[in-house]
């Protein structure tokens, strides 16, 4: 469950988009809507 924190500004910004996207999905559709693919699509980032 450990999170490896981003160190650079660019990666911090990308991670914040991930967190915001995940929160939006959770609020809109609950846990059922929360998938890594959906989060990546919402945040506009690659799964990597």
ModelCIF file with pLDDT and N, C-alpha, C, O atoms, coordinates in Angstrom:
data_MODEL
#
_entry.id   MODEL 
#
_entity.id                         1 
_entity.type                       polymer 
_entity.pdbx_number_of_molecules   1 
#
_entity_poly.entity_id                      1 
_entity_poly.type                           'polypeptide(L)' 
_entity_poly.nstd_linkage                   no 
_entity_poly.nstd_monomer                   no 
_entity_poly.pdbx_seq_one_letter_code       
;(UNK)(UNK)(UNK)(UNK)(UNK)(UNK)(UNK)(UNK)(UNK)(UNK)(UNK)(UNK)(UNK)(UNK)(UNK)(UNK)
(UNK)(UNK)(UNK)(UNK)(UNK)(UNK)(UNK)(UNK)(UNK)(UNK)(UNK)(UNK)(UNK)(UNK)(UNK)(UNK)
(UNK)(UNK)(UNK)(UNK)(UNK)(UNK)(UNK)(UNK)(UNK)(UNK)(UNK)(UNK)(UNK)(UNK)(UNK)(UNK)
;
_entity_poly.pdbx_seq_one_letter_code_can   XXXXXXXXXXXXXXXXXXXXXXXXXXXXXXXXXXXXXXXXXXXXXXXX 
_entity_poly.pdbx_strand_id                 A 
#
loop_
_entity_poly_seq.entity_id 
_entity_poly_seq.num 
_entity_poly_seq.mon_id 
_entity_poly_seq.hetero 
1 1  UNK n 
1 2  UNK n 
1 3  UNK n 
1 4  UNK n 
1 5  UNK n 
1 6  UNK n 
1 7  UNK n 
1 8  UNK n 
1 9  UNK n 
1 10 UNK n 
1 11 UNK n 
1 12 UNK n 
1 13 UNK n 
1 14 UNK n 
1 15 UNK n 
1 16 UNK n 
1 17 UNK n 
1 18 UNK n 
1 19 UNK n 
1 20 UNK n 
1 21 UNK n 
1 22 UNK n 
1 23 UNK n 
1 24 UNK n 
1 25 UNK n 
1 26 UNK n 
1 27 UNK n 
1 28 UNK n 
1 29 UNK n 
1 30 UNK n 
1 31 UNK n 
1 32 UNK n 
1 33 UNK n 
1 34 UNK n 
1 35 UNK n 
1 36 UNK n 
1 37 UNK n 
1 38 UNK n 
1 39 UNK n 
1 40 UNK n 
1 41 UNK n 
1 42 UNK n 
1 43 UNK n 
1 44 UNK n 
1 45 UNK n 
1 46 UNK n 
1 47 UNK n 
1 48 UNK n 
#
_struct_asym.id          A 
_struct_asym.entity_id   1 
#
loop_
_ma_qa_metric.id 
_ma_qa_metric.mode 
_ma_qa_metric.name 
_ma_qa_metric.software_group_id 
_ma_qa_metric.type 
1 global pLDDT . pLDDT 
2 local  pLDDT . pLDDT 
#
_ma_qa_metric_global.metric_id      1 
_ma_qa_metric_global.metric_value   91.88 
_ma_qa_metric_global.model_id       1 
_ma_qa_metric_global.ordinal_id     1 
#
loop_
_ma_qa_metric_local.label_asym_id 
_ma_qa_metric_local.label_comp_id 
_ma_qa_metric_local.label_seq_id 
_ma_qa_metric_local.metric_id 
_ma_qa_metric_local.metric_value 
_ma_qa_metric_local.model_id 
_ma_qa_metric_local.ordinal_id 
A UNK 1  2 70.00 1 1  
A UNK 2  2 82.00 1 2  
A UNK 3  2 84.00 1 3  
A UNK 4  2 88.00 1 4  
A UNK 5  2 84.00 1 5  
A UNK 6  2 82.00 1 6  
A UNK 7  2 82.00 1 7  
A UNK 8  2 85.00 1 8  
A UNK 9  2 89.00 1 9  
A UNK 10 2 89.00 1 10 
A UNK 11 2 87.00 1 11 
A UNK 12 2 90.00 1 12 
A UNK 13 2 93.00 1 13 
A UNK 14 2 91.00 1 14 
A UNK 15 2 93.00 1 15 
A UNK 16 2 94.00 1 16 
A UNK 17 2 95.00 1 17 
A UNK 18 2 95.00 1 18 
A UNK 19 2 97.00 1 19 
A UNK 20 2 97.00 1 20 
A UNK 21 2 97.00 1 21 
A UNK 22 2 97.00 1 22 
A UNK 23 2 97.00 1 23 
A UNK 24 2 97.00 1 24 
A UNK 25 2 96.00 1 25 
A UNK 26 2 95.00 1 26 
A UNK 27 2 96.00 1 27 
A UNK 28 2 95.00 1 28 
A UNK 29 2 93.00 1 29 
A UNK 30 2 91.00 1 30 
A UNK 31 2 91.00 1 31 
A UNK 32 2 91.00 1 32 
A UNK 33 2 92.00 1 33 
A UNK 34 2 94.00 1 34 
A UNK 35 2 94.00 1 35 
A UNK 36 2 94.00 1 36 
A UNK 37 2 95.00 1 37 
A UNK 38 2 96.00 1 38 
A UNK 39 2 96.00 1 39 
A UNK 40 2 95.00 1 40 
A UNK 41 2 96.00 1 41 
A UNK 42 2 96.00 1 42 
A UNK 43 2 95.00 1 43 
A UNK 44 2 95.00 1 44 
A UNK 45 2 93.00 1 45 
A UNK 46 2 93.00 1 46 
A UNK 47 2 93.00 1 47 
A UNK 48 2 90.00 1 48 
#
loop_
_atom_site.group_PDB 
_atom_site.id 
_atom_site.type_symbol 
_atom_site.label_atom_id 
_atom_site.label_alt_id 
_atom_site.label_comp_id 
_atom_site.label_asym_id 
_atom_site.label_entity_id 
_atom_site.label_seq_id 
_atom_site.pdbx_PDB_ins_code 
_atom_site.Cartn_x 
_atom_site.Cartn_y 
_atom_site.Cartn_z 
_atom_site.occupancy 
_atom_site.B_iso_or_equiv 
_atom_site.pdbx_formal_charge 
_atom_site.auth_seq_id 
_atom_site.auth_comp_id 
_atom_site.auth_asym_id 
_atom_site.auth_atom_id 
_atom_site.pdbx_PDB_model_num 
ATOM 1   N N  . UNK A 1 1  ? 0.806   -1.212 0.000   1.00 70.00 ? 1  UNK A N  1 
ATOM 2   C CA . UNK A 1 1  ? 0.000   0.000  0.000   1.00 70.00 ? 1  UNK A CA 1 
ATOM 3   C C  . UNK A 1 1  ? 0.843   1.268  0.000   1.00 70.00 ? 1  UNK A C  1 
ATOM 4   O O  . UNK A 1 1  ? 0.309   2.377  -0.021  1.00 70.00 ? 1  UNK A O  1 
ATOM 5   N N  . UNK A 1 2  ? 2.156   1.101  0.024   1.00 82.00 ? 2  UNK A N  1 
ATOM 6   C CA . UNK A 1 2  ? 3.053   2.251  0.066   1.00 82.00 ? 2  UNK A CA 1 
ATOM 7   C C  . UNK A 1 2  ? 2.943   3.085  -1.211  1.00 82.00 ? 2  UNK A C  1 
ATOM 8   O O  . UNK A 1 2  ? 2.838   2.548  -2.314  1.00 82.00 ? 2  UNK A O  1 
ATOM 9   N N  . UNK A 1 3  ? 2.969   4.395  -1.039  1.00 84.00 ? 3  UNK A N  1 
ATOM 10  C CA . UNK A 1 3  ? 3.021   5.323  -2.171  1.00 84.00 ? 3  UNK A CA 1 
ATOM 11  C C  . UNK A 1 3  ? 4.436   5.872  -2.278  1.00 84.00 ? 3  UNK A C  1 
ATOM 12  O O  . UNK A 1 3  ? 4.993   6.368  -1.299  1.00 84.00 ? 3  UNK A O  1 
ATOM 13  N N  . UNK A 1 4  ? 5.008   5.781  -3.462  1.00 88.00 ? 4  UNK A N  1 
ATOM 14  C CA . UNK A 1 4  ? 6.336   6.355  -3.698  1.00 88.00 ? 4  UNK A CA 1 
ATOM 15  C C  . UNK A 1 4  ? 6.139   7.794  -4.164  1.00 88.00 ? 4  UNK A C  1 
ATOM 16  O O  . UNK A 1 4  ? 5.701   8.025  -5.291  1.00 88.00 ? 4  UNK A O  1 
ATOM 17  N N  . UNK A 1 5  ? 6.459   8.756  -3.312  1.00 84.00 ? 5  UNK A N  1 
ATOM 18  C CA . UNK A 1 5  ? 6.125   10.154 -3.633  1.00 84.00 ? 5  UNK A CA 1 
ATOM 19  C C  . UNK A 1 5  ? 6.939   10.678 -4.805  1.00 84.00 ? 5  UNK A C  1 
ATOM 20  O O  . UNK A 1 5  ? 8.125   10.370 -4.925  1.00 84.00 ? 5  UNK A O  1 
ATOM 21  N N  . UNK A 1 6  ? 6.317   11.463 -5.665  1.00 82.00 ? 6  UNK A N  1 
ATOM 22  C CA . UNK A 1 6  ? 7.043   12.087 -6.784  1.00 82.00 ? 6  UNK A CA 1 
ATOM 23  C C  . UNK A 1 6  ? 7.971   13.174 -6.268  1.00 82.00 ? 6  UNK A C  1 
ATOM 24  O O  . UNK A 1 6  ? 7.658   13.853 -5.290  1.00 82.00 ? 6  UNK A O  1 
ATOM 25  N N  . UNK A 1 7  ? 9.102   13.338 -6.918  1.00 82.00 ? 7  UNK A N  1 
ATOM 26  C CA . UNK A 1 7  ? 10.108  14.278 -6.447  1.00 82.00 ? 7  UNK A CA 1 
ATOM 27  C C  . UNK A 1 7  ? 10.213  15.521 -7.323  1.00 82.00 ? 7  UNK A C  1 
ATOM 28  O O  . UNK A 1 7  ? 10.542  16.600 -6.831  1.00 82.00 ? 7  UNK A O  1 
ATOM 29  N N  . UNK A 1 8  ? 9.941   15.380 -8.597  1.00 85.00 ? 8  UNK A N  1 
ATOM 30  C CA . UNK A 1 8  ? 10.056  16.510 -9.509  1.00 85.00 ? 8  UNK A CA 1 
ATOM 31  C C  . UNK A 1 8  ? 8.707   17.206 -9.679  1.00 85.00 ? 8  UNK A C  1 
ATOM 32  O O  . UNK A 1 8  ? 7.654   16.603 -9.471  1.00 85.00 ? 8  UNK A O  1 
ATOM 33  N N  . UNK A 1 9  ? 8.755   18.485 -10.059 1.00 89.00 ? 9  UNK A N  1 
ATOM 34  C CA . UNK A 1 9  ? 7.507   19.241 -10.196 1.00 89.00 ? 9  UNK A CA 1 
ATOM 35  C C  . UNK A 1 9  ? 6.591   18.608 -11.239 1.00 89.00 ? 9  UNK A C  1 
ATOM 36  O O  . UNK A 1 9  ? 5.382   18.519 -11.027 1.00 89.00 ? 9  UNK A O  1 
ATOM 37  N N  . UNK A 1 10 ? 7.154   18.169 -12.361 1.00 89.00 ? 10 UNK A N  1 
ATOM 38  C CA . UNK A 1 10 ? 6.334   17.590 -13.419 1.00 89.00 ? 10 UNK A CA 1 
ATOM 39  C C  . UNK A 1 10 ? 5.621   16.324 -12.939 1.00 89.00 ? 10 UNK A C  1 
ATOM 40  O O  . UNK A 1 10 ? 4.440   16.119 -13.219 1.00 89.00 ? 10 UNK A O  1 
ATOM 41  N N  . UNK A 1 11 ? 6.352   15.484 -12.217 1.00 87.00 ? 11 UNK A N  1 
ATOM 42  C CA . UNK A 1 11 ? 5.727   14.248 -11.734 1.00 87.00 ? 11 UNK A CA 1 
ATOM 43  C C  . UNK A 1 11 ? 4.759   14.524 -10.578 1.00 87.00 ? 11 UNK A C  1 
ATOM 44  O O  . UNK A 1 11 ? 3.771   13.809 -10.408 1.00 87.00 ? 11 UNK A O  1 
ATOM 45  N N  . UNK A 1 12 ? 5.045   15.553 -9.794  1.00 90.00 ? 12 UNK A N  1 
ATOM 46  C CA . UNK A 1 12 ? 4.098   15.926 -8.729  1.00 90.00 ? 12 UNK A CA 1 
ATOM 47  C C  . UNK A 1 12 ? 2.785   16.408 -9.334  1.00 90.00 ? 12 UNK A C  1 
ATOM 48  O O  . UNK A 1 12 ? 1.706   16.069 -8.847  1.00 90.00 ? 12 UNK A O  1 
ATOM 49  N N  . UNK A 1 13 ? 2.885   17.204 -10.403 1.00 93.00 ? 13 UNK A N  1 
ATOM 50  C CA . UNK A 1 13 ? 1.681   17.698 -11.061 1.00 93.00 ? 13 UNK A CA 1 
ATOM 51  C C  . UNK A 1 13 ? 0.880   16.544 -11.663 1.00 93.00 ? 13 UNK A C  1 
ATOM 52  O O  . UNK A 1 13 ? -0.348  16.524 -11.576 1.00 93.00 ? 13 UNK A O  1 
ATOM 53  N N  . UNK A 1 14 ? 1.573   15.594 -12.266 1.00 91.00 ? 14 UNK A N  1 
ATOM 54  C CA . UNK A 1 14 ? 0.891   14.434 -12.846 1.00 91.00 ? 14 UNK A CA 1 
ATOM 55  C C  . UNK A 1 14 ? 0.207   13.606 -11.758 1.00 91.00 ? 14 UNK A C  1 
ATOM 56  O O  . UNK A 1 14 ? -0.917  13.136 -11.939 1.00 91.00 ? 14 UNK A O  1 
ATOM 57  N N  . UNK A 1 15 ? 0.898   13.433 -10.624 1.00 93.00 ? 15 UNK A N  1 
ATOM 58  C CA . UNK A 1 15 ? 0.313   12.650 -9.520  1.00 93.00 ? 15 UNK A CA 1 
ATOM 59  C C  . UNK A 1 15 ? -0.897  13.358 -8.931  1.00 93.00 ? 15 UNK A C  1 
ATOM 60  O O  . UNK A 1 15 ? -1.876  12.709 -8.562  1.00 93.00 ? 15 UNK A O  1 
ATOM 61  N N  . UNK A 1 16 ? -0.841  14.674 -8.840  1.00 94.00 ? 16 UNK A N  1 
ATOM 62  C CA . UNK A 1 16 ? -1.996  15.425 -8.345  1.00 94.00 ? 16 UNK A CA 1 
ATOM 63  C C  . UNK A 1 16 ? -3.185  15.280 -9.293  1.00 94.00 ? 16 UNK A C  1 
ATOM 64  O O  . UNK A 1 16 ? -4.331  15.226 -8.846  1.00 94.00 ? 16 UNK A O  1 
ATOM 65  N N  . UNK A 1 17 ? -2.920  15.217 -10.594 1.00 95.00 ? 17 UNK A N  1 
ATOM 66  C CA . UNK A 1 17 ? -4.009  14.990 -11.550 1.00 95.00 ? 17 UNK A CA 1 
ATOM 67  C C  . UNK A 1 17 ? -4.604  13.602 -11.348 1.00 95.00 ? 17 UNK A C  1 
ATOM 68  O O  . UNK A 1 17 ? -5.815  13.413 -11.461 1.00 95.00 ? 17 UNK A O  1 
ATOM 69  N N  . UNK A 1 18 ? -3.748  12.640 -11.049 1.00 95.00 ? 18 UNK A N  1 
ATOM 70  C CA . UNK A 1 18 ? -4.225  11.275 -10.771 1.00 95.00 ? 18 UNK A CA 1 
ATOM 71  C C  . UNK A 1 18 ? -5.135  11.280 -9.546  1.00 95.00 ? 18 UNK A C  1 
ATOM 72  O O  . UNK A 1 18 ? -6.219  10.696 -9.572  1.00 95.00 ? 18 UNK A O  1 
ATOM 73  N N  . UNK A 1 19 ? -4.699  11.933 -8.482  1.00 97.00 ? 19 UNK A N  1 
ATOM 74  C CA . UNK A 1 19 ? -5.488  11.963 -7.250  1.00 97.00 ? 19 UNK A CA 1 
ATOM 75  C C  . UNK A 1 19 ? -6.816  12.688 -7.465  1.00 97.00 ? 19 UNK A C  1 
ATOM 76  O O  . UNK A 1 19 ? -7.853  12.235 -6.980  1.00 97.00 ? 19 UNK A O  1 
ATOM 77  N N  . UNK A 1 20 ? -6.791  13.797 -8.178  1.00 97.00 ? 20 UNK A N  1 
ATOM 78  C CA . UNK A 1 20 ? -8.024  14.537 -8.453  1.00 97.00 ? 20 UNK A CA 1 
ATOM 79  C C  . UNK A 1 20 ? -8.977  13.706 -9.316  1.00 97.00 ? 20 UNK A C  1 
ATOM 80  O O  . UNK A 1 20 ? -10.187 13.698 -9.091  1.00 97.00 ? 20 UNK A O  1 
ATOM 81  N N  . UNK A 1 21 ? -8.416  13.013 -10.300 1.00 97.00 ? 21 UNK A N  1 
ATOM 82  C CA . UNK A 1 21 ? -9.237  12.179 -11.176 1.00 97.00 ? 21 UNK A CA 1 
ATOM 83  C C  . UNK A 1 21 ? -9.861  11.029 -10.398 1.00 97.00 ? 21 UNK A C  1 
ATOM 84  O O  . UNK A 1 21 ? -11.042 10.723 -10.565 1.00 97.00 ? 21 UNK A O  1 
ATOM 85  N N  . UNK A 1 22 ? -9.063  10.396 -9.551  1.00 97.00 ? 22 UNK A N  1 
ATOM 86  C CA . UNK A 1 22 ? -9.588  9.295  -8.742  1.00 97.00 ? 22 UNK A CA 1 
ATOM 87  C C  . UNK A 1 22 ? -10.681 9.758  -7.808  1.00 97.00 ? 22 UNK A C  1 
ATOM 88  O O  . UNK A 1 22 ? -11.675 9.059  -7.614  1.00 97.00 ? 22 UNK A O  1 
ATOM 89  N N  . UNK A 1 23 ? -10.505 10.935 -7.227  1.00 97.00 ? 23 UNK A N  1 
ATOM 90  C CA . UNK A 1 23 ? -11.511 11.479 -6.319  1.00 97.00 ? 23 UNK A CA 1 
ATOM 91  C C  . UNK A 1 23 ? -12.807 11.783 -7.067  1.00 97.00 ? 23 UNK A C  1 
ATOM 92  O O  . UNK A 1 23 ? -13.895 11.511 -6.558  1.00 97.00 ? 23 UNK A O  1 
ATOM 93  N N  . UNK A 1 24 ? -12.697 12.341 -8.263  1.00 97.00 ? 24 UNK A N  1 
ATOM 94  C CA . UNK A 1 24 ? -13.883 12.646 -9.064  1.00 97.00 ? 24 UNK A CA 1 
ATOM 95  C C  . UNK A 1 24 ? -14.637 11.371 -9.423  1.00 97.00 ? 24 UNK A C  1 
ATOM 96  O O  . UNK A 1 24 ? -15.865 11.337 -9.351  1.00 97.00 ? 24 UNK A O  1 
ATOM 97  N N  . UNK A 1 25 ? -13.916 10.326 -9.808  1.00 96.00 ? 25 UNK A N  1 
ATOM 98  C CA . UNK A 1 25 ? -14.562 9.058  -10.151 1.00 96.00 ? 25 UNK A CA 1 
ATOM 99  C C  . UNK A 1 25 ? -15.254 8.454  -8.939  1.00 96.00 ? 25 UNK A C  1 
ATOM 100 O O  . UNK A 1 25 ? -16.363 7.929  -9.042  1.00 96.00 ? 25 UNK A O  1 
ATOM 101 N N  . UNK A 1 26 ? -14.591 8.531  -7.794  1.00 95.00 ? 26 UNK A N  1 
ATOM 102 C CA . UNK A 1 26 ? -15.162 7.990  -6.567  1.00 95.00 ? 26 UNK A CA 1 
ATOM 103 C C  . UNK A 1 26 ? -16.435 8.730  -6.190  1.00 95.00 ? 26 UNK A C  1 
ATOM 104 O O  . UNK A 1 26 ? -17.412 8.111  -5.769  1.00 95.00 ? 26 UNK A O  1 
ATOM 105 N N  . UNK A 1 27 ? -16.431 10.037 -6.337  1.00 96.00 ? 27 UNK A N  1 
ATOM 106 C CA . UNK A 1 27 ? -17.600 10.839 -5.993  1.00 96.00 ? 27 UNK A CA 1 
ATOM 107 C C  . UNK A 1 27 ? -18.756 10.605 -6.969  1.00 96.00 ? 27 UNK A C  1 
ATOM 108 O O  . UNK A 1 27 ? -19.924 10.625 -6.579  1.00 96.00 ? 27 UNK A O  1 
ATOM 109 N N  . UNK A 1 28 ? -18.419 10.387 -8.229  1.00 95.00 ? 28 UNK A N  1 
ATOM 110 C CA . UNK A 1 28 ? -19.463 10.251 -9.255  1.00 95.00 ? 28 UNK A CA 1 
ATOM 111 C C  . UNK A 1 28 ? -20.056 8.846  -9.318  1.00 95.00 ? 28 UNK A C  1 
ATOM 112 O O  . UNK A 1 28 ? -21.258 8.682  -9.526  1.00 95.00 ? 28 UNK A O  1 
ATOM 113 N N  . UNK A 1 29 ? -19.204 7.831  -9.138  1.00 93.00 ? 29 UNK A N  1 
ATOM 114 C CA . UNK A 1 29 ? -19.678 6.469  -9.354  1.00 93.00 ? 29 UNK A CA 1 
ATOM 115 C C  . UNK A 1 29 ? -19.366 5.478  -8.264  1.00 93.00 ? 29 UNK A C  1 
ATOM 116 O O  . UNK A 1 29 ? -19.675 4.294  -8.397  1.00 93.00 ? 29 UNK A O  1 
ATOM 117 N N  . UNK A 1 30 ? -18.752 5.942  -7.175  1.00 91.00 ? 30 UNK A N  1 
ATOM 118 C CA . UNK A 1 30 ? -18.410 5.037  -6.093  1.00 91.00 ? 30 UNK A CA 1 
ATOM 119 C C  . UNK A 1 30 ? -17.244 4.120  -6.451  1.00 91.00 ? 30 UNK A C  1 
ATOM 120 O O  . UNK A 1 30 ? -16.568 4.322  -7.460  1.00 91.00 ? 30 UNK A O  1 
ATOM 121 N N  . UNK A 1 31 ? -17.022 3.127  -5.624  1.00 91.00 ? 31 UNK A N  1 
ATOM 122 C CA . UNK A 1 31 ? -15.869 2.246  -5.796  1.00 91.00 ? 31 UNK A CA 1 
ATOM 123 C C  . UNK A 1 31 ? -15.963 1.467  -7.111  1.00 91.00 ? 31 UNK A C  1 
ATOM 124 O O  . UNK A 1 31 ? -14.934 1.139  -7.702  1.00 91.00 ? 31 UNK A O  1 
ATOM 125 N N  . UNK A 1 32 ? -17.171 1.168  -7.572  1.00 91.00 ? 32 UNK A N  1 
ATOM 126 C CA . UNK A 1 32 ? -17.337 0.403  -8.803  1.00 91.00 ? 32 UNK A CA 1 
ATOM 127 C C  . UNK A 1 32 ? -16.757 1.139  -10.009 1.00 91.00 ? 32 UNK A C  1 
ATOM 128 O O  . UNK A 1 32 ? -16.302 0.509  -10.964 1.00 91.00 ? 32 UNK A O  1 
ATOM 129 N N  . UNK A 1 33 ? -16.775 2.469  -9.965  1.00 92.00 ? 33 UNK A N  1 
ATOM 130 C CA . UNK A 1 33 ? -16.254 3.269  -11.074 1.00 92.00 ? 33 UNK A CA 1 
ATOM 131 C C  . UNK A 1 33 ? -14.750 3.484  -10.987 1.00 92.00 ? 33 UNK A C  1 
ATOM 132 O O  . UNK A 1 33 ? -14.134 4.030  -11.902 1.00 92.00 ? 33 UNK A O  1 
ATOM 133 N N  . UNK A 1 34 ? -14.169 3.047  -9.878  1.00 94.00 ? 34 UNK A N  1 
ATOM 134 C CA . UNK A 1 34 ? -12.762 3.349  -9.615  1.00 94.00 ? 34 UNK A CA 1 
ATOM 135 C C  . UNK A 1 34 ? -11.882 2.216  -10.149 1.00 94.00 ? 34 UNK A C  1 
ATOM 136 O O  . UNK A 1 34 ? -11.744 1.171  -9.513  1.00 94.00 ? 34 UNK A O  1 
ATOM 137 N N  . UNK A 1 35 ? -11.296 2.438  -11.314 1.00 94.00 ? 35 UNK A N  1 
ATOM 138 C CA . UNK A 1 35 ? -10.327 1.508  -11.881 1.00 94.00 ? 35 UNK A CA 1 
ATOM 139 C C  . UNK A 1 35 ? -9.092  2.297  -12.301 1.00 94.00 ? 35 UNK A C  1 
ATOM 140 O O  . UNK A 1 35 ? -9.168  3.504  -12.528 1.00 94.00 ? 35 UNK A O  1 
ATOM 141 N N  . UNK A 1 36 ? -7.960  1.614  -12.402 1.00 94.00 ? 36 UNK A N  1 
ATOM 142 C CA . UNK A 1 36 ? -6.746  2.313  -12.821 1.00 94.00 ? 36 UNK A CA 1 
ATOM 143 C C  . UNK A 1 36 ? -6.910  2.853  -14.232 1.00 94.00 ? 36 UNK A C  1 
ATOM 144 O O  . UNK A 1 36 ? -6.464  3.962  -14.527 1.00 94.00 ? 36 UNK A O  1 
ATOM 145 N N  . UNK A 1 37 ? -7.546  2.078  -15.109 1.00 95.00 ? 37 UNK A N  1 
ATOM 146 C CA . UNK A 1 37 ? -7.755  2.546  -16.476 1.00 95.00 ? 37 UNK A CA 1 
ATOM 147 C C  . UNK A 1 37 ? -8.608  3.811  -16.501 1.00 95.00 ? 37 UNK A C  1 
ATOM 148 O O  . UNK A 1 37 ? -8.301  4.758  -17.225 1.00 95.00 ? 37 UNK A O  1 
ATOM 149 N N  . UNK A 1 38 ? -9.692  3.822  -15.699 1.00 96.00 ? 38 UNK A N  1 
ATOM 150 C CA . UNK A 1 38 ? -10.564 4.995  -15.671 1.00 96.00 ? 38 UNK A CA 1 
ATOM 151 C C  . UNK A 1 38 ? -9.850  6.213  -15.097 1.00 96.00 ? 38 UNK A C  1 
ATOM 152 O O  . UNK A 1 38 ? -10.034 7.331  -15.579 1.00 96.00 ? 38 UNK A O  1 
ATOM 153 N N  . UNK A 1 39 ? -9.037  5.995  -14.068 1.00 96.00 ? 39 UNK A N  1 
ATOM 154 C CA . UNK A 1 39 ? -8.282  7.095  -13.466 1.00 96.00 ? 39 UNK A CA 1 
ATOM 155 C C  . UNK A 1 39 ? -7.302  7.674  -14.485 1.00 96.00 ? 39 UNK A C  1 
ATOM 156 O O  . UNK A 1 39 ? -7.202  8.892  -14.635 1.00 96.00 ? 39 UNK A O  1 
ATOM 157 N N  . UNK A 1 40 ? -6.581  6.795  -15.184 1.00 95.00 ? 40 UNK A N  1 
ATOM 158 C CA . UNK A 1 40 ? -5.602  7.265  -16.175 1.00 95.00 ? 40 UNK A CA 1 
ATOM 159 C C  . UNK A 1 40 ? -6.292  8.038  -17.293 1.00 95.00 ? 40 UNK A C  1 
ATOM 160 O O  . UNK A 1 40 ? -5.803  9.078  -17.733 1.00 95.00 ? 40 UNK A O  1 
ATOM 161 N N  . UNK A 1 41 ? -7.425  7.524  -17.746 1.00 96.00 ? 41 UNK A N  1 
ATOM 162 C CA . UNK A 1 41 ? -8.159  8.198  -18.808 1.00 96.00 ? 41 UNK A CA 1 
ATOM 163 C C  . UNK A 1 41 ? -8.635  9.568  -18.345 1.00 96.00 ? 41 UNK A C  1 
ATOM 164 O O  . UNK A 1 41 ? -8.539  10.545 -19.088 1.00 96.00 ? 41 UNK A O  1 
ATOM 165 N N  . UNK A 1 42 ? -9.145  9.643  -17.126 1.00 96.00 ? 42 UNK A N  1 
ATOM 166 C CA . UNK A 1 42 ? -9.659  10.900 -16.577 1.00 96.00 ? 42 UNK A CA 1 
ATOM 167 C C  . UNK A 1 42 ? -8.523  11.905 -16.376 1.00 96.00 ? 42 UNK A C  1 
ATOM 168 O O  . UNK A 1 42 ? -8.696  13.100 -16.614 1.00 96.00 ? 42 UNK A O  1 
ATOM 169 N N  . UNK A 1 43 ? -7.372  11.419 -15.942 1.00 95.00 ? 43 UNK A N  1 
ATOM 170 C CA . UNK A 1 43 ? -6.233  12.302 -15.655 1.00 95.00 ? 43 UNK A CA 1 
ATOM 171 C C  . UNK A 1 43 ? -5.421  12.637 -16.898 1.00 95.00 ? 43 UNK A C  1 
ATOM 172 O O  . UNK A 1 43 ? -4.612  13.564 -16.881 1.00 95.00 ? 43 UNK A O  1 
ATOM 173 N N  . UNK A 1 44 ? -5.635  11.884 -17.981 1.00 95.00 ? 44 UNK A N  1 
ATOM 174 C CA . UNK A 1 44 ? -4.882  12.114 -19.203 1.00 95.00 ? 44 UNK A CA 1 
ATOM 175 C C  . UNK A 1 44 ? -3.426  11.705 -19.094 1.00 95.00 ? 44 UNK A C  1 
ATOM 176 O O  . UNK A 1 44 ? -2.542  12.369 -19.635 1.00 95.00 ? 44 UNK A O  1 
ATOM 177 N N  . UNK A 1 45 ? -3.182  10.602 -18.388 1.00 93.00 ? 45 UNK A N  1 
ATOM 178 C CA . UNK A 1 45 ? -1.794  10.125 -18.229 1.00 93.00 ? 45 UNK A CA 1 
ATOM 179 C C  . UNK A 1 45 ? -1.743  8.629  -18.560 1.00 93.00 ? 45 UNK A C  1 
ATOM 180 O O  . UNK A 1 45 ? -2.767  7.946  -18.589 1.00 93.00 ? 45 UNK A O  1 
ATOM 181 N N  . UNK A 1 46 ? -0.536  8.147  -18.804 1.00 93.00 ? 46 UNK A N  1 
ATOM 182 C CA . UNK A 1 46 ? -0.341  6.725  -19.103 1.00 93.00 ? 46 UNK A CA 1 
ATOM 183 C C  . UNK A 1 46 ? -0.331  5.922  -17.800 1.00 93.00 ? 46 UNK A C  1 
ATOM 184 O O  . UNK A 1 46 ? 0.039   6.451  -16.751 1.00 93.00 ? 46 UNK A O  1 
ATOM 185 N N  . UNK A 1 47 ? -0.735  4.648  -17.858 1.00 93.00 ? 47 UNK A N  1 
ATOM 186 C CA . UNK A 1 47 ? -0.723  3.814  -16.644 1.00 93.00 ? 47 UNK A CA 1 
ATOM 187 C C  . UNK A 1 47 ? 0.639   3.769  -15.963 1.00 93.00 ? 47 UNK A C  1 
ATOM 188 O O  . UNK A 1 47 ? 0.719   3.631  -14.742 1.00 93.00 ? 47 UNK A O  1 
ATOM 189 N N  . UNK A 1 48 ? 1.697   3.883  -16.736 1.00 90.00 ? 48 UNK A N  1 
ATOM 190 C CA . UNK A 1 48 ? 3.038   3.844  -16.136 1.00 90.00 ? 48 UNK A CA 1 
ATOM 191 C C  . UNK A 1 48 ? 3.217   4.927  -15.077 1.00 90.00 ? 48 UNK A C  1 
ATOM 192 O O  . UNK A 1 48 ? 4.286   5.031  -14.477 1.00 90.00 ? 48 UNK A O  1 
#
